[in-house]
Amino acid sequence: MTEKPNVTLPGKVEKIIKSPDPSEPEKAEISVEGADTLYQEIRIENALTDEDGNEVRLKKGAEVEVTVEAEKDATTPKKSD
């Protein structure tokens, strides 16, 4: 089976955003290196799972990797200039 087309970019957790409403999850704001200036911050729910299946959270300043992947039929070959 072939791997999905993907790209992985380095990032850093810039801040942890506490939710004002207990029913809403805490968020982690991540600055993605290599993204356009206006679009380099993303916010995700601050909930990850470790190798033992335990829920963990990101810390401010953590170095992370952001991976974008797609199904092969959702991509097209890059054309030469």
PDB file of N, CA and C in Angstrom:
ATOM      1  N   MET A   1       0.848  -1.182   0.000  1.00  0.00           N
ATOM      2  CA  MET A   1       0.000   0.000   0.000  1.00  0.00           C
ATOM      3  C   MET A   1       0.891   1.242   0.000  1.00  0.00           C
ATOM      4  N   THR A   2       0.552   2.220  -0.822  1.00  0.00           N
ATOM      5  CA  THR A   2       1.377   3.417  -0.904  1.00  0.00           C
ATOM      6  C   THR A   2       0.965   4.434   0.149  1.00  0.00           C
ATOM      7  N   GLU A   3       1.923   5.232   0.521  1.00  0.00           N
ATOM      8  CA  GLU A   3       1.702   6.288   1.506  1.00  0.00           C
ATOM      9  C   GLU A   3       0.946   7.445   0.864  1.00  0.00           C
ATOM     10  N   LYS A   4       0.124   8.123   1.650  1.00  0.00           N
ATOM     11  CA  LYS A   4      -0.592   9.296   1.143  1.00  0.00           C
ATOM     12  C   LYS A   4       0.410  10.421   0.898  1.00  0.00           C
ATOM     13  N   PRO A   5       0.185  11.245  -0.147  1.00  0.00           N
ATOM     14  CA  PRO A   5       1.032  12.420  -0.333  1.00  0.00           C
ATOM     15  C   PRO A   5       0.926  13.315   0.913  1.00  0.00           C
ATOM     16  N   ASN A   6       2.068  13.829   1.370  1.00  0.00           N
ATOM     17  CA  ASN A   6       2.047  14.638   2.593  1.00  0.00           C
ATOM     18  C   ASN A   6       3.219  15.596   2.651  1.00  0.00           C
ATOM     19  N   VAL A   7       3.116  16.537   3.566  1.00  0.00           N
ATOM     20  CA  VAL A   7       4.203  17.446   3.896  1.00  0.00           C
ATOM     21  C   VAL A   7       4.164  17.651   5.410  1.00  0.00           C
ATOM     22  N   THR A   8       5.344  17.714   6.034  1.00  0.00           N
ATOM     23  CA  THR A   8       5.444  17.959   7.470  1.00  0.00           C
ATOM     24  C   THR A   8       6.270  19.214   7.682  1.00  0.00           C
ATOM     25  N   LEU A   9       5.710  20.151   8.442  1.00  0.00           N
ATOM     26  CA  LEU A   9       6.377  21.423   8.713  1.00  0.00           C
ATOM     27  C   LEU A   9       6.618  21.567  10.211  1.00  0.00           C
ATOM     28  N   PRO A  10       7.745  22.190  10.594  1.00  0.00           N
ATOM     29  CA  PRO A  10       7.987  22.420  12.018  1.00  0.00           C
ATOM     30  C   PRO A  10       7.092  23.529  12.539  1.00  0.00           C
ATOM     31  N   GLY A  11       6.780  23.445  13.820  1.00  0.00           N
ATOM     32  CA  GLY A  11       5.968  24.469  14.455  1.00  0.00           C
ATOM     33  C   GLY A  11       6.329  24.605  15.922  1.00  0.00           C
ATOM     34  N   LYS A  12       5.737  25.613  16.554  1.00  0.00           N
ATOM     35  CA  LYS A  12       5.989  25.860  17.970  1.00  0.00           C
ATOM     36  C   LYS A  12       4.689  26.313  18.617  1.00  0.00           C
ATOM     37  N   VAL A  13       4.409  25.771  19.805  1.00  0.00           N
ATOM     38  CA  VAL A  13       3.224  26.188  20.554  1.00  0.00           C
ATOM     39  C   VAL A  13       3.506  27.575  21.115  1.00  0.00           C
ATOM     40  N   GLU A  14       2.787  28.566  20.600  1.00  0.00           N
ATOM     41  CA  GLU A  14       2.996  29.954  21.027  1.00  0.00           C
ATOM     42  C   GLU A  14       2.201  30.303  22.284  1.00  0.00           C
ATOM     43  N   LYS A  15       0.990  29.743  22.417  1.00  0.00           N
ATOM     44  CA  LYS A  15       0.206  30.012  23.615  1.00  0.00           C
ATOM     45  C   LYS A  15      -0.836  28.932  23.827  1.00  0.00           C
ATOM     46  N   ILE A  16      -1.246  28.819  25.071  1.00  0.00           N
ATOM     47  CA  ILE A  16      -2.341  27.928  25.464  1.00  0.00           C
ATOM     48  C   ILE A  16      -3.516  28.844  25.798  1.00  0.00           C
ATOM     49  N   ILE A  17      -4.647  28.580  25.178  1.00  0.00           N
ATOM     50  CA  ILE A  17      -5.821  29.437  25.338  1.00  0.00           C
ATOM     51  C   ILE A  17      -6.853  28.705  26.186  1.00  0.00           C
ATOM     52  N   LYS A  18      -7.028  29.187  27.406  1.00  0.00           N
ATOM     53  CA  LYS A  18      -8.025  28.613  28.310  1.00  0.00           C
ATOM     54  C   LYS A  18      -9.412  28.984  27.804  1.00  0.00           C
ATOM     55  N   SER A  19     -10.339  28.082  27.950  1.00  0.00           N
ATOM     56  CA  SER A  19     -11.703  28.339  27.512  1.00  0.00           C
ATOM     57  C   SER A  19     -12.471  29.095  28.588  1.00  0.00           C
ATOM     58  N   PRO A  20     -13.219  30.136  28.194  1.00  0.00           N
ATOM     59  CA  PRO A  20     -14.034  30.855  29.175  1.00  0.00           C
ATOM     60  C   PRO A  20     -15.267  30.038  29.585  1.00  0.00           C
ATOM     61  N   ASP A  21     -15.594  29.023  28.782  1.00  0.00           N
ATOM     62  CA  ASP A  21     -16.760  28.183  29.030  1.00  0.00           C
ATOM     63  C   ASP A  21     -16.282  26.755  29.303  1.00  0.00           C
ATOM     64  N   PRO A  22     -16.601  26.187  30.462  1.00  0.00           N
ATOM     65  CA  PRO A  22     -16.128  24.837  30.801  1.00  0.00           C
ATOM     66  C   PRO A  22     -16.546  23.754  29.797  1.00  0.00           C
ATOM     67  N   SER A  23     -17.579  24.007  29.022  1.00  0.00           N
ATOM     68  CA  SER A  23     -18.009  23.004  28.044  1.00  0.00           C
ATOM     69  C   SER A  23     -17.179  23.061  26.757  1.00  0.00           C
ATOM     70  N   GLU A  24     -16.358  24.096  26.597  1.00  0.00           N
ATOM     71  CA  GLU A  24     -15.492  24.240  25.425  1.00  0.00           C
ATOM     72  C   GLU A  24     -14.072  23.817  25.800  1.00  0.00           C
ATOM     73  N   PRO A  25     -13.369  23.129  24.880  1.00  0.00           N
ATOM     74  CA  PRO A  25     -12.014  22.660  25.202  1.00  0.00           C
ATOM     75  C   PRO A  25     -10.960  23.771  25.159  1.00  0.00           C
ATOM     76  N   GLU A  26      -9.883  23.556  25.909  1.00  0.00           N
ATOM     77  CA  GLU A  26      -8.702  24.415  25.856  1.00  0.00           C
ATOM     78  C   GLU A  26      -8.084  24.277  24.462  1.00  0.00           C
ATOM     79  N   LYS A  27      -7.476  25.347  23.957  1.00  0.00           N
ATOM     80  CA  LYS A  27      -6.855  25.337  22.626  1.00  0.00           C
ATOM     81  C   LYS A  27      -5.357  25.602  22.747  1.00  0.00           C
ATOM     82  N   ALA A  28      -4.610  25.088  21.774  1.00  0.00           N
ATOM     83  CA  ALA A  28      -3.188  25.378  21.652  1.00  0.00           C
ATOM     84  C   ALA A  28      -3.006  26.139  20.341  1.00  0.00           C
ATOM     85  N   GLU A  29      -2.352  27.307  20.406  1.00  0.00           N
ATOM     86  CA  GLU A  29      -2.060  28.078  19.195  1.00  0.00           C
ATOM     87  C   GLU A  29      -0.659  27.712  18.746  1.00  0.00           C
ATOM     88  N   ILE A  30      -0.555  27.230  17.505  1.00  0.00           N
ATOM     89  CA  ILE A  30       0.714  26.756  16.958  1.00  0.00           C
ATOM     90  C   ILE A  30       1.127  27.631  15.790  1.00  0.00           C
ATOM     91  N   SER A  31       2.348  28.111  15.818  1.00  0.00           N
ATOM     92  CA  SER A  31       2.925  28.878  14.716  1.00  0.00           C
ATOM     93  C   SER A  31       3.652  27.887  13.817  1.00  0.00           C
ATOM     94  N   VAL A  32       3.242  27.825  12.536  1.00  0.00           N
ATOM     95  CA  VAL A  32       3.793  26.861  11.588  1.00  0.00           C
ATOM     96  C   VAL A  32       4.849  27.538  10.727  1.00  0.00           C
ATOM     97  N   GLU A  33       6.095  27.059  10.806  1.00  0.00           N
ATOM     98  CA  GLU A  33       7.177  27.608   9.990  1.00  0.00           C
ATOM     99  C   GLU A  33       6.959  27.238   8.529  1.00  0.00           C
ATOM    100  N   GLY A  34       7.192  28.185   7.638  1.00  0.00           N
ATOM    101  CA  GLY A  34       7.048  27.926   6.215  1.00  0.00           C
ATOM    102  C   GLY A  34       5.687  28.311   5.669  1.00  0.00           C
ATOM    103  N   ALA A  35       4.749  28.675   6.539  1.00  0.00           N
ATOM    104  CA  ALA A  35       3.428  29.112   6.078  1.00  0.00           C
ATOM    105  C   ALA A  35       3.465  30.613   5.802  1.00  0.00           C
ATOM    106  N   ASP A  36       2.539  31.102   4.962  1.00  0.00           N
ATOM    107  CA  ASP A  36       2.440  32.542   4.714  1.00  0.00           C
ATOM    108  C   ASP A  36       2.181  33.273   6.027  1.00  0.00           C
ATOM    109  N   THR A  37       2.724  34.473   6.160  1.00  0.00           N
ATOM    110  CA  THR A  37       2.650  35.248   7.395  1.00  0.00           C
ATOM    111  C   THR A  37       1.232  35.360   7.944  1.00  0.00           C
ATOM    112  N   LEU A  38       0.267  35.662   7.109  1.00  0.00           N
ATOM    113  CA  LEU A  38      -1.107  35.840   7.591  1.00  0.00           C
ATOM    114  C   LEU A  38      -1.767  34.530   8.007  1.00  0.00           C
ATOM    115  N   TYR A  39      -1.165  33.403   7.655  1.00  0.00           N
ATOM    116  CA  TYR A  39      -1.810  32.110   7.893  1.00  0.00           C
ATOM    117  C   TYR A  39      -0.964  31.147   8.709  1.00  0.00           C
ATOM    118  N   GLN A  40       0.072  31.648   9.378  1.00  0.00           N
ATOM    119  CA  GLN A  40       0.973  30.716  10.031  1.00  0.00           C
ATOM    120  C   GLN A  40       0.501  30.227  11.401  1.00  0.00           C
ATOM    121  N   GLU A  41      -0.528  30.829  11.984  1.00  0.00           N
ATOM    122  CA  GLU A  41      -1.019  30.328  13.265  1.00  0.00           C
ATOM    123  C   GLU A  41      -2.259  29.472  13.056  1.00  0.00           C
ATOM    124  N   ILE A  42      -2.254  28.319  13.707  1.00  0.00           N
ATOM    125  CA  ILE A  42      -3.439  27.478  13.731  1.00  0.00           C
ATOM    126  C   ILE A  42      -3.784  27.220  15.196  1.00  0.00           C
ATOM    127  N   ARG A  43      -5.047  26.969  15.445  1.00  0.00           N
ATOM    128  CA  ARG A  43      -5.489  26.622  16.798  1.00  0.00           C
ATOM    129  C   ARG A  43      -6.157  25.259  16.751  1.00  0.00           C
ATOM    130  N   ILE A  44      -5.725  24.410  17.666  1.00  0.00           N
ATOM    131  CA  ILE A  44      -6.296  23.067  17.749  1.00  0.00           C
ATOM    132  C   ILE A  44      -6.708  22.793  19.192  1.00  0.00           C
ATOM    133  N   GLU A  45      -7.597  21.833  19.361  1.00  0.00           N
ATOM    134  CA  GLU A  45      -7.940  21.400  20.704  1.00  0.00           C
ATOM    135  C   GLU A  45      -6.676  20.850  21.341  1.00  0.00           C
ATOM    136  N   ASN A  46      -6.416  21.242  22.578  1.00  0.00           N
ATOM    137  CA  ASN A  46      -5.183  20.837  23.257  1.00  0.00           C
ATOM    138  C   ASN A  46      -5.375  19.475  23.925  1.00  0.00           C
ATOM    139  N   ALA A  47      -5.538  18.453  23.102  1.00  0.00           N
ATOM    140  CA  ALA A  47      -5.710  17.089  23.600  1.00  0.00           C
ATOM    141  C   ALA A  47      -5.020  16.134  22.633  1.00  0.00           C
ATOM    142  N   LEU A  48      -3.998  15.452  23.116  1.00  0.00           N
ATOM    143  CA  LEU A  48      -3.273  14.458  22.328  1.00  0.00           C
ATOM    144  C   LEU A  48      -3.297  13.144  23.103  1.00  0.00           C
ATOM    145  N   THR A  49      -2.901  12.069  22.450  1.00  0.00           N
ATOM    146  CA  THR A  49      -2.832  10.767  23.102  1.00  0.00           C
ATOM    147  C   THR A  49      -1.397  10.260  23.004  1.00  0.00           C
ATOM    148  N   ASP A  50      -0.840   9.829  24.146  1.00  0.00           N
ATOM    149  CA  ASP A  50       0.533   9.319  24.136  1.00  0.00           C
ATOM    150  C   ASP A  50       0.554   7.852  23.708  1.00  0.00           C
ATOM    151  N   GLU A  51       1.756   7.256  23.678  1.00  0.00           N
ATOM    152  CA  GLU A  51       1.908   5.885  23.182  1.00  0.00           C
ATOM    153  C   GLU A  51       1.197   4.842  24.046  1.00  0.00           C
ATOM    154  N   ASP A  52       0.852   5.211  25.290  1.00  0.00           N
ATOM    155  CA  ASP A  52       0.139   4.292  26.184  1.00  0.00           C
ATOM    156  C   ASP A  52      -1.372   4.511  26.173  1.00  0.00           C
ATOM    157  N   GLY A  53      -1.831   5.449  25.321  1.00  0.00           N
ATOM    158  CA  GLY A  53      -3.266   5.724  25.238  1.00  0.00           C
ATOM    159  C   GLY A  53      -3.763   6.750  26.248  1.00  0.00           C
ATOM    160  N   ASN A  54      -2.832   7.390  26.973  1.00  0.00           N
ATOM    161  CA  ASN A  54      -3.212   8.409  27.952  1.00  0.00           C
ATOM    162  C   ASN A  54      -3.380   9.762  27.272  1.00  0.00           C
ATOM    163  N   GLU A  55      -4.360  10.532  27.726  1.00  0.00           N
ATOM    164  CA  GLU A  55      -4.544  11.877  27.176  1.00  0.00           C
ATOM    165  C   GLU A  55      -3.496  12.811  27.778  1.00  0.00           C
ATOM    166  N   VAL A  56      -2.851  13.601  26.926  1.00  0.00           N
ATOM    167  CA  VAL A  56      -1.840  14.576  27.350  1.00  0.00           C
ATOM    168  C   VAL A  56      -2.132  15.915  26.686  1.00  0.00           C
ATOM    169  N   ARG A  57      -1.473  16.970  27.170  1.00  0.00           N
ATOM    170  CA  ARG A  57      -1.658  18.315  26.627  1.00  0.00           C
ATOM    171  C   ARG A  57      -0.316  18.893  26.217  1.00  0.00           C
ATOM    172  N   LEU A  58      -0.338  19.786  25.237  1.00  0.00           N
ATOM    173  CA  LEU A  58       0.874  20.496  24.826  1.00  0.00           C
ATOM    174  C   LEU A  58       1.190  21.599  25.824  1.00  0.00           C
ATOM    175  N   LYS A  59       2.483  21.912  25.963  1.00  0.00           N
ATOM    176  CA  LYS A  59       2.945  23.017  26.802  1.00  0.00           C
ATOM    177  C   LYS A  59       3.330  24.182  25.906  1.00  0.00           C
ATOM    178  N   LYS A  60       3.219  25.399  26.442  1.00  0.00           N
ATOM    179  CA  LYS A  60       3.687  26.582  25.721  1.00  0.00           C
ATOM    180  C   LYS A  60       5.175  26.411  25.445  1.00  0.00           C
ATOM    181  N   GLY A  61       5.589  26.731  24.216  1.00  0.00           N
ATOM    182  CA  GLY A  61       6.991  26.631  23.830  1.00  0.00           C
ATOM    183  C   GLY A  61       7.379  25.283  23.249  1.00  0.00           C
ATOM    184  N   ALA A  62       6.472  24.307  23.262  1.00  0.00           N
ATOM    185  CA  ALA A  62       6.788  22.978  22.744  1.00  0.00           C
ATOM    186  C   ALA A  62       7.040  23.037  21.243  1.00  0.00           C
ATOM    187  N   GLU A  63       8.074  22.319  20.809  1.00  0.00           N
ATOM    188  CA  GLU A  63       8.364  22.175  19.383  1.00  0.00           C
ATOM    189  C   GLU A  63       7.502  21.027  18.870  1.00  0.00           C
ATOM    190  N   VAL A  64       6.781  21.260  17.779  1.00  0.00           N
ATOM    191  CA  VAL A  64       5.873  20.246  17.230  1.00  0.00           C
ATOM    192  C   VAL A  64       6.082  20.108  15.729  1.00  0.00           C
ATOM    193  N   GLU A  65       5.477  19.103  15.142  1.00  0.00           N
ATOM    194  CA  GLU A  65       5.457  18.925  13.691  1.00  0.00           C
ATOM    195  C   GLU A  65       4.004  18.927  13.253  1.00  0.00           C
ATOM    196  N   VAL A  66       3.715  19.659  12.184  1.00  0.00           N
ATOM    197  CA  VAL A  66       2.369  19.724  11.631  1.00  0.00           C
ATOM    198  C   VAL A  66       2.405  19.008  10.283  1.00  0.00           C
ATOM    199  N   THR A  67       1.604  17.959  10.153  1.00  0.00           N
ATOM    200  CA  THR A  67       1.576  17.172   8.922  1.00  0.00           C
ATOM    201  C   THR A  67       0.242  17.364   8.215  1.00  0.00           C
ATOM    202  N   VAL A  68       0.325  17.624   6.911  1.00  0.00           N
ATOM    203  CA  VAL A  68      -0.856  17.706   6.057  1.00  0.00           C
ATOM    204  C   VAL A  68      -0.744  16.559   5.079  1.00  0.00           C
ATOM    205  N   GLU A  69      -1.803  15.740   4.988  1.00  0.00           N
ATOM    206  CA  GLU A  69      -1.787  14.643   4.035  1.00  0.00           C
ATOM    207  C   GLU A  69      -3.130  14.559   3.336  1.00  0.00           C
ATOM    208  N   ALA A  70      -3.115  13.975   2.151  1.00  0.00           N
ATOM    209  CA  ALA A  70      -4.322  13.867   1.340  1.00  0.00           C
ATOM    210  C   ALA A  70      -4.360  12.514   0.659  1.00  0.00           C
ATOM    211  N   GLU A  71      -5.550  12.107   0.281  1.00  0.00           N
ATOM    212  CA  GLU A  71      -5.688  10.894  -0.520  1.00  0.00           C
ATOM    213  C   GLU A  71      -5.022  11.153  -1.871  1.00  0.00           C
ATOM    214  N   LYS A  72      -4.480  10.110  -2.471  1.00  0.00           N
ATOM    215  CA  LYS A  72      -3.770  10.275  -3.744  1.00  0.00           C
ATOM    216  C   LYS A  72      -4.676  10.873  -4.825  1.00  0.00           C
ATOM    217  N   ASP A  73      -5.962  10.504  -4.832  1.00  0.00           N
ATOM    218  CA  ASP A  73      -6.871  11.033  -5.862  1.00  0.00           C
ATOM    219  C   ASP A  73      -7.275  12.486  -5.592  1.00  0.00           C
ATOM    220  N   ALA A  74      -6.835  13.063  -4.476  1.00  0.00           N
ATOM    221  CA  ALA A  74      -7.119  14.466  -4.186  1.00  0.00           C
ATOM    222  C   ALA A  74      -5.951  15.365  -4.573  1.00  0.00           C
ATOM    223  N   THR A  75      -4.962  14.800  -5.296  1.00  0.00           N
ATOM    224  CA  THR A  75      -3.784  15.573  -5.700  1.00  0.00           C
ATOM    225  C   THR A  75      -3.589  15.463  -7.202  1.00  0.00           C
ATOM    226  N   THR A  76      -2.786  16.394  -7.746  1.00  0.00           N
ATOM    227  CA  THR A  76      -2.410  16.354  -9.165  1.00  0.00           C
ATOM    228  C   THR A  76      -0.897  16.485  -9.271  1.00  0.00           C
ATOM    229  N   PRO A  77      -0.302  15.951 -10.314  1.00  0.00           N
ATOM    230  CA  PRO A  77       1.151  16.076 -10.476  1.00  0.00           C
ATOM    231  C   PRO A  77       1.546  17.543 -10.639  1.00  0.00           C
ATOM    232  N   LYS A  78       2.696  17.887 -10.074  1.00  0.00           N
ATOM    233  CA  LYS A  78       3.217  19.241 -10.238  1.00  0.00           C
ATOM    234  C   LYS A  78       3.767  19.365 -11.648  1.00  0.00           C
ATOM    235  N   LYS A  79       3.368  20.441 -12.346  1.00  0.00           N
ATOM    236  CA  LYS A  79       3.827  20.663 -13.710  1.00  0.00           C
ATOM    237  C   LYS A  79       5.120  21.445 -13.710  1.00  0.00           C
ATOM    238  N   SER A  80       6.034  21.092 -14.629  1.00  0.00           N
ATOM    239  CA  SER A  80       7.284  21.839 -14.753  1.00  0.00           C
ATOM    240  C   SER A  80       7.012  23.179 -15.429  1.00  0.00           C
ATOM    241  N   ASP A  81       7.839  24.161 -15.079  1.00  0.00           N
ATOM    242  CA  ASP A  81       7.660  25.506 -15.659  1.00  0.00           C
ATOM    243  C   ASP A  81       8.186  25.589 -17.038  1.00  0.00           C
TER     244      ASP A  81
END
